Amino acid sequence: MSVLIKRNQAESFKVDEATVITRYNFSTRDYDMVEIIVNGHHGTMRNKTSTKSYYIISGKGTFEIDGTAYQVEAGDIITVNPNSWLSITGHDLRALIITNPPFNADDEEWK
């Protein structure tokens, strides 16, 4: 099945003071995709069931995964496995997140 979702069809919302998510309302049974923009500290969370892969579109940031810090910039890909604690700090950090299986808010735990 081919799908085209235009940017103006996407839904953007603020998660916290530092983070905006744009949801394209596209999901398969295997994965979904959203865009995230982080300017500041996004917080510390883990997903109990999904693997999240972040493709860094622009900006710079730090992903701290289970206590290890990774510096990221445009063109990088970083993957976070289920049950890994993640903290993101970014400066104009824009990334595409592919979540497999699709995101379910009940699977997220925040510190």
PDB file of N, CA and C in Angstrom:
ATOM      1  N   MET A   1       0.836  -1.178   0.000  1.00  0.00           N
ATOM      2  CA  MET A   1       0.000   0.000   0.000  1.00  0.00           C
ATOM      3  C   MET A   1       0.881   1.242   0.000  1.00  0.00           C
ATOM      4  N   SER A   2       0.696   2.104  -0.959  1.00  0.00           N
ATOM      5  CA  SER A   2       1.433   3.362  -1.025  1.00  0.00           C
ATOM      6  C   SER A   2       0.637   4.443  -0.308  1.00  0.00           C
ATOM      7  N   VAL A   3       1.363   5.309   0.403  1.00  0.00           N
ATOM      8  CA  VAL A   3       0.710   6.367   1.168  1.00  0.00           C
ATOM      9  C   VAL A   3       1.516   7.643   1.024  1.00  0.00           C
ATOM     10  N   LEU A   4       0.844   8.757   0.814  1.00  0.00           N
ATOM     11  CA  LEU A   4       1.473  10.066   0.841  1.00  0.00           C
ATOM     12  C   LEU A   4       0.800  10.866   1.941  1.00  0.00           C
ATOM     13  N   ILE A   5       1.593  11.345   2.879  1.00  0.00           N
ATOM     14  CA  ILE A   5       1.074  12.195   3.942  1.00  0.00           C
ATOM     15  C   ILE A   5       1.794  13.524   3.829  1.00  0.00           C
ATOM     16  N   LYS A   6       1.041  14.576   3.564  1.00  0.00           N
ATOM     17  CA  LYS A   6       1.608  15.914   3.418  1.00  0.00           C
ATOM     18  C   LYS A   6       1.885  16.515   4.798  1.00  0.00           C
ATOM     19  N   ARG A   7       2.893  17.375   4.843  1.00  0.00           N
ATOM     20  CA  ARG A   7       3.273  18.033   6.088  1.00  0.00           C
ATOM     21  C   ARG A   7       2.080  18.740   6.739  1.00  0.00           C
ATOM     22  N   ASN A   8       1.221  19.358   5.924  1.00  0.00           N
ATOM     23  CA  ASN A   8       0.080  20.080   6.496  1.00  0.00           C
ATOM     24  C   ASN A   8      -1.000  19.145   7.044  1.00  0.00           C
ATOM     25  N   GLN A   9      -0.853  17.840   6.829  1.00  0.00           N
ATOM     26  CA  GLN A   9      -1.772  16.862   7.394  1.00  0.00           C
ATOM     27  C   GLN A   9      -1.263  16.327   8.730  1.00  0.00           C
ATOM     28  N   ALA A  10      -0.037  16.675   9.080  1.00  0.00           N
ATOM     29  CA  ALA A  10       0.570  16.175  10.306  1.00  0.00           C
ATOM     30  C   ALA A  10       0.061  16.964  11.509  1.00  0.00           C
ATOM     31  N   GLU A  11       0.085  16.314  12.655  1.00  0.00           N
ATOM     32  CA  GLU A  11      -0.353  16.916  13.910  1.00  0.00           C
ATOM     33  C   GLU A  11       0.873  17.160  14.785  1.00  0.00           C
ATOM     34  N   SER A  12       1.099  18.418  15.171  1.00  0.00           N
ATOM     35  CA  SER A  12       2.228  18.749  16.055  1.00  0.00           C
ATOM     36  C   SER A  12       1.704  19.089  17.438  1.00  0.00           C
ATOM     37  N   PHE A  13       2.445  18.662  18.447  1.00  0.00           N
ATOM     38  CA  PHE A  13       2.069  18.977  19.826  1.00  0.00           C
ATOM     39  C   PHE A  13       3.316  19.031  20.695  1.00  0.00           C
ATOM     40  N   LYS A  14       3.229  19.826  21.739  1.00  0.00           N
ATOM     41  CA  LYS A  14       4.339  20.017  22.661  1.00  0.00           C
ATOM     42  C   LYS A  14       4.269  18.942  23.743  1.00  0.00           C
ATOM     43  N   VAL A  15       5.376  18.221  23.934  1.00  0.00           N
ATOM     44  CA  VAL A  15       5.446  17.172  24.937  1.00  0.00           C
ATOM     45  C   VAL A  15       5.852  17.761  26.289  1.00  0.00           C
ATOM     46  N   ASP A  16       6.832  18.653  26.254  1.00  0.00           N
ATOM     47  CA  ASP A  16       7.311  19.352  27.434  1.00  0.00           C
ATOM     48  C   ASP A  16       7.895  20.682  26.972  1.00  0.00           C
ATOM     49  N   GLU A  17       8.525  21.421  27.864  1.00  0.00           N
ATOM     50  CA  GLU A  17       9.042  22.745  27.503  1.00  0.00           C
ATOM     51  C   GLU A  17      10.107  22.696  26.405  1.00  0.00           C
ATOM     52  N   ALA A  18      10.771  21.558  26.243  1.00  0.00           N
ATOM     53  CA  ALA A  18      11.879  21.460  25.295  1.00  0.00           C
ATOM     54  C   ALA A  18      11.542  20.705  24.017  1.00  0.00           C
ATOM     55  N   THR A  19      10.360  20.073  23.947  1.00  0.00           N
ATOM     56  CA  THR A  19      10.134  19.072  22.907  1.00  0.00           C
ATOM     57  C   THR A  19       8.814  19.235  22.174  1.00  0.00           C
ATOM     58  N   VAL A  20       8.894  19.158  20.837  1.00  0.00           N
ATOM     59  CA  VAL A  20       7.704  19.142  19.980  1.00  0.00           C
ATOM     60  C   VAL A  20       7.746  17.861  19.151  1.00  0.00           C
ATOM     61  N   ILE A  21       6.624  17.166  19.104  1.00  0.00           N
ATOM     62  CA  ILE A  21       6.473  15.956  18.293  1.00  0.00           C
ATOM     63  C   ILE A  21       5.531  16.285  17.137  1.00  0.00           C
ATOM     64  N   THR A  22       5.867  15.820  15.941  1.00  0.00           N
ATOM     65  CA  THR A  22       4.964  15.901  14.801  1.00  0.00           C
ATOM     66  C   THR A  22       4.612  14.481  14.393  1.00  0.00           C
ATOM     67  N   ARG A  23       3.344  14.166  14.503  1.00  0.00           N
ATOM     68  CA  ARG A  23       2.842  12.829  14.180  1.00  0.00           C
ATOM     69  C   ARG A  23       2.178  12.892  12.808  1.00  0.00           C
ATOM     70  N   TYR A  24       2.606  12.023  11.925  1.00  0.00           N
ATOM     71  CA  TYR A  24       2.081  12.003  10.567  1.00  0.00           C
ATOM     72  C   TYR A  24       0.882  11.079  10.403  1.00  0.00           C
ATOM     73  N   ASN A  25       0.376  10.558  11.510  1.00  0.00           N
ATOM     74  CA  ASN A  25      -0.793   9.678  11.487  1.00  0.00           C
ATOM     75  C   ASN A  25      -0.624   8.543  10.494  1.00  0.00           C
ATOM     76  N   PHE A  26       0.584   7.994  10.513  1.00  0.00           N
ATOM     77  CA  PHE A  26       0.890   6.838   9.680  1.00  0.00           C
ATOM     78  C   PHE A  26       1.473   5.760  10.569  1.00  0.00           C
ATOM     79  N   SER A  27       0.932   4.588  10.474  1.00  0.00           N
ATOM     80  CA  SER A  27       1.433   3.468  11.259  1.00  0.00           C
ATOM     81  C   SER A  27       1.095   2.188  10.513  1.00  0.00           C
ATOM     82  N   THR A  28       1.994   1.242  10.611  1.00  0.00           N
ATOM     83  CA  THR A  28       1.706  -0.102  10.119  1.00  0.00           C
ATOM     84  C   THR A  28       1.630  -0.982  11.358  1.00  0.00           C
ATOM     85  N   ARG A  29       1.399  -2.242  11.169  1.00  0.00           N
ATOM     86  CA  ARG A  29       1.399  -3.120  12.343  1.00  0.00           C
ATOM     87  C   ARG A  29       2.816  -3.329  12.846  1.00  0.00           C
ATOM     88  N   ASP A  30       3.826  -2.983  12.021  1.00  0.00           N
ATOM     89  CA  ASP A  30       5.215  -3.207  12.384  1.00  0.00           C
ATOM     90  C   ASP A  30       5.920  -1.978  12.959  1.00  0.00           C
ATOM     91  N   TYR A  31       5.578  -0.783  12.494  1.00  0.00           N
ATOM     92  CA  TYR A  31       6.300   0.407  12.940  1.00  0.00           C
ATOM     93  C   TYR A  31       5.450   1.664  12.742  1.00  0.00           C
ATOM     94  N   ASP A  32       5.909   2.747  13.385  1.00  0.00           N
ATOM     95  CA  ASP A  32       5.364   4.058  13.076  1.00  0.00           C
ATOM     96  C   ASP A  32       6.508   5.057  13.059  1.00  0.00           C
ATOM     97  N   MET A  33       6.211   6.279  12.578  1.00  0.00           N
ATOM     98  CA  MET A  33       7.236   7.319  12.458  1.00  0.00           C
ATOM     99  C   MET A  33       6.688   8.637  12.971  1.00  0.00           C
ATOM    100  N   VAL A  34       7.549   9.364  13.671  1.00  0.00           N
ATOM    101  CA  VAL A  34       7.232  10.735  14.068  1.00  0.00           C
ATOM    102  C   VAL A  34       8.500  11.564  13.926  1.00  0.00           C
ATOM    103  N   GLU A  35       8.314  12.873  13.920  1.00  0.00           N
ATOM    104  CA  GLU A  35       9.450  13.793  13.935  1.00  0.00           C
ATOM    105  C   GLU A  35       9.498  14.426  15.317  1.00  0.00           C
ATOM    106  N   ILE A  36      10.698  14.607  15.845  1.00  0.00           N
ATOM    107  CA  ILE A  36      10.876  15.227  17.152  1.00  0.00           C
ATOM    108  C   ILE A  36      11.828  16.411  16.996  1.00  0.00           C
ATOM    109  N   ILE A  37      11.528  17.491  17.699  1.00  0.00           N
ATOM    110  CA  ILE A  37      12.420  18.643  17.778  1.00  0.00           C
ATOM    111  C   ILE A  37      12.703  18.878  19.256  1.00  0.00           C
ATOM    112  N   VAL A  38      13.987  18.913  19.612  1.00  0.00           N
ATOM    113  CA  VAL A  38      14.380  19.108  21.009  1.00  0.00           C
ATOM    114  C   VAL A  38      15.284  20.321  21.114  1.00  0.00           C
ATOM    115  N   ASN A  39      14.883  21.259  21.972  1.00  0.00           N
ATOM    116  CA  ASN A  39      15.680  22.437  22.316  1.00  0.00           C
ATOM    117  C   ASN A  39      15.736  22.507  23.834  1.00  0.00           C
ATOM    118  N   GLY A  40      16.710  21.843  24.407  1.00  0.00           N
ATOM    119  CA  GLY A  40      16.814  21.741  25.858  1.00  0.00           C
ATOM    120  C   GLY A  40      16.826  20.282  26.270  1.00  0.00           C
ATOM    121  N   HIS A  41      16.293  20.010  27.468  1.00  0.00           N
ATOM    122  CA  HIS A  41      16.298  18.647  28.013  1.00  0.00           C
ATOM    123  C   HIS A  41      14.908  18.032  27.900  1.00  0.00           C
ATOM    124  N   HIS A  42      14.839  16.872  27.266  1.00  0.00           N
ATOM    125  CA  HIS A  42      13.569  16.184  27.008  1.00  0.00           C
ATOM    126  C   HIS A  42      13.123  15.300  28.172  1.00  0.00           C
ATOM    127  N   GLY A  43      13.978  14.985  29.101  1.00  0.00           N
ATOM    128  CA  GLY A  43      13.584  14.133  30.220  1.00  0.00           C
ATOM    129  C   GLY A  43      14.167  12.743  30.110  1.00  0.00           C
ATOM    130  N   THR A  44      13.810  11.894  31.065  1.00  0.00           N
ATOM    131  CA  THR A  44      14.336  10.529  31.112  1.00  0.00           C
ATOM    132  C   THR A  44      13.171   9.555  31.080  1.00  0.00           C
ATOM    133  N   MET A  45      13.210   8.628  30.108  1.00  0.00           N
ATOM    134  CA  MET A  45      12.125   7.676  29.942  1.00  0.00           C
ATOM    135  C   MET A  45      12.664   6.368  29.392  1.00  0.00           C
ATOM    136  N   ARG A  46      11.796   5.377  29.412  1.00  0.00           N
ATOM    137  CA  ARG A  46      12.095   4.125  28.721  1.00  0.00           C
ATOM    138  C   ARG A  46      10.808   3.599  28.116  1.00  0.00           C
ATOM    139  N   ASN A  47      10.965   2.830  27.059  1.00  0.00           N
ATOM    140  CA  ASN A  47       9.838   2.163  26.428  1.00  0.00           C
ATOM    141  C   ASN A  47      10.003   0.679  26.707  1.00  0.00           C
ATOM    142  N   LYS A  48       8.989   0.066  27.244  1.00  0.00           N
ATOM    143  CA  LYS A  48       9.078  -1.328  27.686  1.00  0.00           C
ATOM    144  C   LYS A  48       9.066  -2.342  26.552  1.00  0.00           C
ATOM    145  N   THR A  49       8.544  -1.967  25.372  1.00  0.00           N
ATOM    146  CA  THR A  49       8.392  -2.975  24.307  1.00  0.00           C
ATOM    147  C   THR A  49       8.989  -2.602  22.961  1.00  0.00           C
ATOM    148  N   SER A  50       9.178  -1.319  22.687  1.00  0.00           N
ATOM    149  CA  SER A  50       9.582  -0.901  21.342  1.00  0.00           C
ATOM    150  C   SER A  50      11.055  -0.544  21.241  1.00  0.00           C
ATOM    151  N   THR A  51      11.617  -0.808  20.071  1.00  0.00           N
ATOM    152  CA  THR A  51      12.926  -0.296  19.694  1.00  0.00           C
ATOM    153  C   THR A  51      12.682   1.014  18.961  1.00  0.00           C
ATOM    154  N   LYS A  52      13.437   2.058  19.325  1.00  0.00           N
ATOM    155  CA  LYS A  52      13.302   3.356  18.667  1.00  0.00           C
ATOM    156  C   LYS A  52      14.610   3.697  17.974  1.00  0.00           C
ATOM    157  N   SER A  53      14.534   3.961  16.680  1.00  0.00           N
ATOM    158  CA  SER A  53      15.698   4.390  15.912  1.00  0.00           C
ATOM    159  C   SER A  53      15.503   5.851  15.533  1.00  0.00           C
ATOM    160  N   TYR A  54      16.506   6.665  15.835  1.00  0.00           N
ATOM    161  CA  TYR A  54      16.456   8.108  15.591  1.00  0.00           C
ATOM    162  C   TYR A  54      17.422   8.433  14.459  1.00  0.00           C
ATOM    163  N   TYR A  55      16.898   9.015  13.383  1.00  0.00           N
ATOM    164  CA  TYR A  55      17.741   9.543  12.313  1.00  0.00           C
ATOM    165  C   TYR A  55      17.827  11.048  12.554  1.00  0.00           C
ATOM    166  N   ILE A  56      19.037  11.555  12.785  1.00  0.00           N
ATOM    167  CA  ILE A  56      19.221  12.967  13.093  1.00  0.00           C
ATOM    168  C   ILE A  56      19.215  13.763  11.792  1.00  0.00           C
ATOM    169  N   ILE A  57      18.197  14.612  11.640  1.00  0.00           N
ATOM    170  CA  ILE A  57      18.029  15.420  10.439  1.00  0.00           C
ATOM    171  C   ILE A  57      18.897  16.668  10.507  1.00  0.00           C
ATOM    172  N   SER A  58      18.882  17.332  11.666  1.00  0.00           N
ATOM    173  CA  SER A  58      19.666  18.561  11.831  1.00  0.00           C
ATOM    174  C   SER A  58      19.907  18.825  13.315  1.00  0.00           C
ATOM    175  N   GLY A  59      20.817  19.748  13.583  1.00  0.00           N
ATOM    176  CA  GLY A  59      21.134  20.109  14.958  1.00  0.00           C
ATOM    177  C   GLY A  59      22.110  19.144  15.600  1.00  0.00           C
ATOM    178  N   LYS A  60      22.286  19.328  16.898  1.00  0.00           N
ATOM    179  CA  LYS A  60      23.197  18.489  17.682  1.00  0.00           C
ATOM    180  C   LYS A  60      22.545  18.156  19.004  1.00  0.00           C
ATOM    181  N   GLY A  61      23.040  17.085  19.609  1.00  0.00           N
ATOM    182  CA  GLY A  61      22.485  16.722  20.901  1.00  0.00           C
ATOM    183  C   GLY A  61      23.246  15.606  21.562  1.00  0.00           C
ATOM    184  N   THR A  62      22.750  15.262  22.745  1.00  0.00           N
ATOM    185  CA  THR A  62      23.306  14.163  23.527  1.00  0.00           C
ATOM    186  C   THR A  62      22.188  13.202  23.878  1.00  0.00           C
ATOM    187  N   PHE A  63      22.400  11.940  23.556  1.00  0.00           N
ATOM    188  CA  PHE A  63      21.509  10.870  23.974  1.00  0.00           C
ATOM    189  C   PHE A  63      22.228  10.121  25.083  1.00  0.00           C
ATOM    190  N   GLU A  64      21.647  10.088  26.256  1.00  0.00           N
ATOM    191  CA  GLU A  64      22.218   9.272  27.329  1.00  0.00           C
ATOM    192  C   GLU A  64      21.360   8.025  27.432  1.00  0.00           C
ATOM    193  N   ILE A  65      21.983   6.879  27.166  1.00  0.00           N
ATOM    194  CA  ILE A  65      21.283   5.600  27.166  1.00  0.00           C
ATOM    195  C   ILE A  65      21.899   4.728  28.237  1.00  0.00           C
ATOM    196  N   ASP A  66      21.108   4.397  29.246  1.00  0.00           N
ATOM    197  CA  ASP A  66      21.575   3.571  30.366  1.00  0.00           C
ATOM    198  C   ASP A  66      22.896   4.073  30.926  1.00  0.00           C
ATOM    199  N   GLY A  67      23.021   5.394  31.054  1.00  0.00           N
ATOM    200  CA  GLY A  67      24.191   5.995  31.681  1.00  0.00           C
ATOM    201  C   GLY A  67      25.356   6.297  30.764  1.00  0.00           C
ATOM    202  N   THR A  68      25.282   5.916  29.497  1.00  0.00           N
ATOM    203  CA  THR A  68      26.349   6.206  28.535  1.00  0.00           C
ATOM    204  C   THR A  68      25.895   7.333  27.616  1.00  0.00           C
ATOM    205  N   ALA A  69      26.724   8.380  27.489  1.00  0.00           N
ATOM    206  CA  ALA A  69      26.383   9.545  26.665  1.00  0.00           C
ATOM    207  C   ALA A  69      26.915   9.375  25.249  1.00  0.00           C
ATOM    208  N   TYR A  70      26.071   9.707  24.269  1.00  0.00           N
ATOM    209  CA  TYR A  70      26.424   9.659  22.860  1.00  0.00           C
ATOM    210  C   TYR A  70      26.139  11.025  22.253  1.00  0.00           C
ATOM    211  N   GLN A  71      27.135  11.615  21.622  1.00  0.00           N
ATOM    212  CA  GLN A  71      26.967  12.894  20.942  1.00  0.00           C
ATOM    213  C   GLN A  71      26.473  12.612  19.529  1.00  0.00           C
ATOM    214  N   VAL A  72      25.402  13.306  19.111  1.00  0.00           N
ATOM    215  CA  VAL A  72      24.837  13.080  17.788  1.00  0.00           C
ATOM    216  C   VAL A  72      24.752  14.395  17.021  1.00  0.00           C
ATOM    217  N   GLU A  73      24.764  14.257  15.681  1.00  0.00           N
ATOM    218  CA  GLU A  73      24.615  15.408  14.797  1.00  0.00           C
ATOM    219  C   GLU A  73      23.967  14.929  13.505  1.00  0.00           C
ATOM    220  N   ALA A  74      23.668  15.867  12.625  1.00  0.00           N
ATOM    221  CA  ALA A  74      22.971  15.557  11.372  1.00  0.00           C
ATOM    222  C   ALA A  74      23.628  14.387  10.642  1.00  0.00           C
ATOM    223  N   GLY A  75      22.799  13.461  10.198  1.00  0.00           N
ATOM    224  CA  GLY A  75      23.261  12.296   9.455  1.00  0.00           C
ATOM    225  C   GLY A  75      23.480  11.061  10.299  1.00  0.00           C
ATOM    226  N   ASP A  76      23.515  11.209  11.630  1.00  0.00           N
ATOM    227  CA  ASP A  76      23.720  10.068  12.527  1.00  0.00           C
ATOM    228  C   ASP A  76      22.412   9.303  12.735  1.00  0.00           C
ATOM    229  N   ILE A  77      22.546   8.031  13.065  1.00  0.00           N
ATOM    230  CA  ILE A  77      21.424   7.193  13.470  1.00  0.00           C
ATOM    231  C   ILE A  77      21.789   6.578  14.808  1.00  0.00           C
ATOM    232  N   ILE A  78      20.861   6.639  15.758  1.00  0.00           N
ATOM    233  CA  ILE A  78      21.083   6.019  17.058  1.00  0.00           C
ATOM    234  C   ILE A  78      19.848   5.198  17.400  1.00  0.00           C
ATOM    235  N   THR A  79      20.058   3.993  17.902  1.00  0.00           N
ATOM    236  CA  THR A  79      18.969   3.073  18.222  1.00  0.00           C
ATOM    237  C   THR A  79      18.925   2.833  19.724  1.00  0.00           C
ATOM    238  N   VAL A  80      17.707   2.852  20.259  1.00  0.00           N
ATOM    239  CA  VAL A  80      17.486   2.623  21.684  1.00  0.00           C
ATOM    240  C   VAL A  80      16.619   1.377  21.822  1.00  0.00           C
ATOM    241  N   ASN A  81      17.152   0.375  22.504  1.00  0.00           N
ATOM    242  CA  ASN A  81      16.442  -0.889  22.669  1.00  0.00           C
ATOM    243  C   ASN A  81      15.389  -0.804  23.771  1.00  0.00           C
ATOM    244  N   PRO A  82      14.399  -1.706  23.745  1.00  0.00           N
ATOM    245  CA  PRO A  82      13.378  -1.717  24.793  1.00  0.00           C
ATOM    246  C   PRO A  82      14.023  -1.808  26.183  1.00  0.00           C
ATOM    247  N   ASN A  83      13.387  -1.175  27.148  1.00  0.00           N
ATOM    248  CA  ASN A  83      13.795  -1.169  28.559  1.00  0.00           C
ATOM    249  C   ASN A  83      15.080  -0.408  28.833  1.00  0.00           C
ATOM    250  N   SER A  84      15.608   0.311  27.852  1.00  0.00           N
ATOM    251  CA  SER A  84      16.786   1.153  28.070  1.00  0.00           C
ATOM    252  C   SER A  84      16.328   2.537  28.504  1.00  0.00           C
ATOM    253  N   TRP A  85      16.950   3.059  29.548  1.00  0.00           N
ATOM    254  CA  TRP A  85      16.627   4.416  29.993  1.00  0.00           C
ATOM    255  C   TRP A  85      17.281   5.411  29.054  1.00  0.00           C
ATOM    256  N   LEU A  86      16.504   6.382  28.594  1.00  0.00           N
ATOM    257  CA  LEU A  86      16.955   7.357  27.605  1.00  0.00           C
ATOM    258  C   LEU A  86      16.690   8.767  28.098  1.00  0.00           C
ATOM    259  N   SER A  87      17.689   9.614  27.943  1.00  0.00           N
ATOM    260  CA  SER A  87      17.558  11.037  28.210  1.00  0.00           C
ATOM    261  C   SER A  87      18.121  11.766  26.998  1.00  0.00           C
ATOM    262  N   ILE A  88      17.399  12.772  26.485  1.00  0.00           N
ATOM    263  CA  ILE A  88      17.840  13.517  25.311  1.00  0.00           C
ATOM    264  C   ILE A  88      17.969  14.989  25.663  1.00  0.00           C
ATOM    265  N   THR A  89      19.109  15.562  25.291  1.00  0.00           N
ATOM    266  CA  THR A  89      19.316  17.002  25.381  1.00  0.00           C
ATOM    267  C   THR A  89      19.728  17.460  23.995  1.00  0.00           C
ATOM    268  N   GLY A  90      19.061  18.501  23.485  1.00  0.00           N
ATOM    269  CA  GLY A  90      19.363  18.927  22.127  1.00  0.00           C
ATOM    270  C   GLY A  90      19.406  20.426  21.968  1.00  0.00           C
ATOM    271  N   HIS A  91      20.094  20.849  20.918  1.00  0.00           N
ATOM    272  CA  HIS A  91      20.126  22.238  20.499  1.00  0.00           C
ATOM    273  C   HIS A  91      19.676  22.263  19.037  1.00  0.00           C
ATOM    274  N   ASP A  92      18.451  22.693  18.815  1.00  0.00           N
ATOM    275  CA  ASP A  92      17.854  22.641  17.480  1.00  0.00           C
ATOM    276  C   ASP A  92      17.956  21.238  16.885  1.00  0.00           C
ATOM    277  N   LEU A  93      17.797  20.234  17.737  1.00  0.00           N
ATOM    278  CA  LEU A  93      17.891  18.833  17.320  1.00  0.00           C
ATOM    279  C   LEU A  93      16.563  18.412  16.687  1.00  0.00           C
ATOM    280  N   ARG A  94      16.629  17.985  15.446  1.00  0.00           N
ATOM    281  CA  ARG A  94      15.450  17.501  14.716  1.00  0.00           C
ATOM    282  C   ARG A  94      15.768  16.076  14.268  1.00  0.00           C
ATOM    283  N   ALA A  95      14.864  15.147  14.590  1.00  0.00           N
ATOM    284  CA  ALA A  95      15.109  13.743  14.256  1.00  0.00           C
ATOM    285  C   ALA A  95      13.812  13.062  13.832  1.00  0.00           C
ATOM    286  N   LEU A  96      13.957  12.061  12.990  1.00  0.00           N
ATOM    287  CA  LEU A  96      12.865  11.172  12.618  1.00  0.00           C
ATOM    288  C   LEU A  96      13.000   9.938  13.516  1.00  0.00           C
ATOM    289  N   ILE A  97      11.907   9.576  14.190  1.00  0.00           N
ATOM    290  CA  ILE A  97      11.924   8.389  15.054  1.00  0.00           C
ATOM    291  C   ILE A  97      11.093   7.301  14.395  1.00  0.00           C
ATOM    292  N   ILE A  98      11.705   6.143  14.212  1.00  0.00           N
ATOM    293  CA  ILE A  98      10.987   4.961  13.729  1.00  0.00           C
ATOM    294  C   ILE A  98      10.868   4.020  14.917  1.00  0.00           C
ATOM    295  N   THR A  99       9.630   3.702  15.284  1.00  0.00           N
ATOM    296  CA  THR A  99       9.353   2.890  16.477  1.00  0.00           C
ATOM    297  C   THR A  99       8.776   1.555  16.040  1.00  0.00           C
ATOM    298  N   ASN A 100       9.398   0.467  16.537  1.00  0.00           N
ATOM    299  CA  ASN A 100       9.005  -0.888  16.170  1.00  0.00           C
ATOM    300  C   ASN A 100       8.939  -1.763  17.422  1.00  0.00           C
ATOM    301  N   PRO A 101       7.780  -2.332  17.774  1.00  0.00           N
ATOM    302  CA  PRO A 101       6.471  -2.130  17.175  1.00  0.00           C
ATOM    303  C   PRO A 101       5.980  -0.702  17.407  1.00  0.00           C
ATOM    304  N   PRO A 102       4.860  -0.321  16.776  1.00  0.00           N
ATOM    305  CA  PRO A 102       4.384   1.051  16.860  1.00  0.00           C
ATOM    306  C   PRO A 102       4.249   1.555  18.295  1.00  0.00           C
ATOM    307  N   PHE A 103       4.409   2.873  18.446  1.00  0.00           N
ATOM    308  CA  PHE A 103       4.341   3.527  19.737  1.00  0.00           C
ATOM    309  C   PHE A 103       3.012   3.260  20.432  1.00  0.00           C
ATOM    310  N   ASN A 104       3.096   2.996  21.725  1.00  0.00           N
ATOM    311  CA  ASN A 104       1.930   2.841  22.581  1.00  0.00           C
ATOM    312  C   ASN A 104       2.268   3.570  23.879  1.00  0.00           C
ATOM    313  N   ALA A 105       1.524   4.610  24.210  1.00  0.00           N
ATOM    314  CA  ALA A 105       1.817   5.428  25.397  1.00  0.00           C
ATOM    315  C   ALA A 105       1.849   4.602  26.672  1.00  0.00           C
ATOM    316  N   ASP A 106       1.096   3.524  26.735  1.00  0.00           N
ATOM    317  CA  ASP A 106       1.100   2.674  27.935  1.00  0.00           C
ATOM    318  C   ASP A 106       2.436   1.978  28.159  1.00  0.00           C
ATOM    319  N   ASP A 107       3.271   1.916  27.116  1.00  0.00           N
ATOM    320  CA  ASP A 107       4.582   1.264  27.223  1.00  0.00           C
ATOM    321  C   ASP A 107       5.683   2.218  27.694  1.00  0.00           C
ATOM    322  N   GLU A 108       5.384   3.518  27.810  1.00  0.00           N
ATOM    323  CA  GLU A 108       6.379   4.509  28.216  1.00  0.00           C
ATOM    324  C   GLU A 108       6.377   4.680  29.726  1.00  0.00           C
ATOM    325  N   GLU A 109       7.563   4.769  30.300  1.00  0.00           N
ATOM    326  CA  GLU A 109       7.732   5.028  31.731  1.00  0.00           C
ATOM    327  C   GLU A 109       8.692   6.202  31.871  1.00  0.00           C
ATOM    328  N   TRP A 110       8.321   7.196  32.670  1.00  0.00           N
ATOM    329  CA  TRP A 110       9.143   8.400  32.870  1.00  0.00           C
ATOM    330  C   TRP A 110       9.665   8.434  34.299  1.00  0.00           C
ATOM    331  N   LYS A 111      10.899   8.946  34.424  1.00  0.00           N
ATOM    332  CA  LYS A 111      11.475   9.158  35.766  1.00  0.00           C
ATOM    333  C   LYS A 111      11.131  10.543  36.211  1.00  0.00           C
TER     334      LYS A 111
END
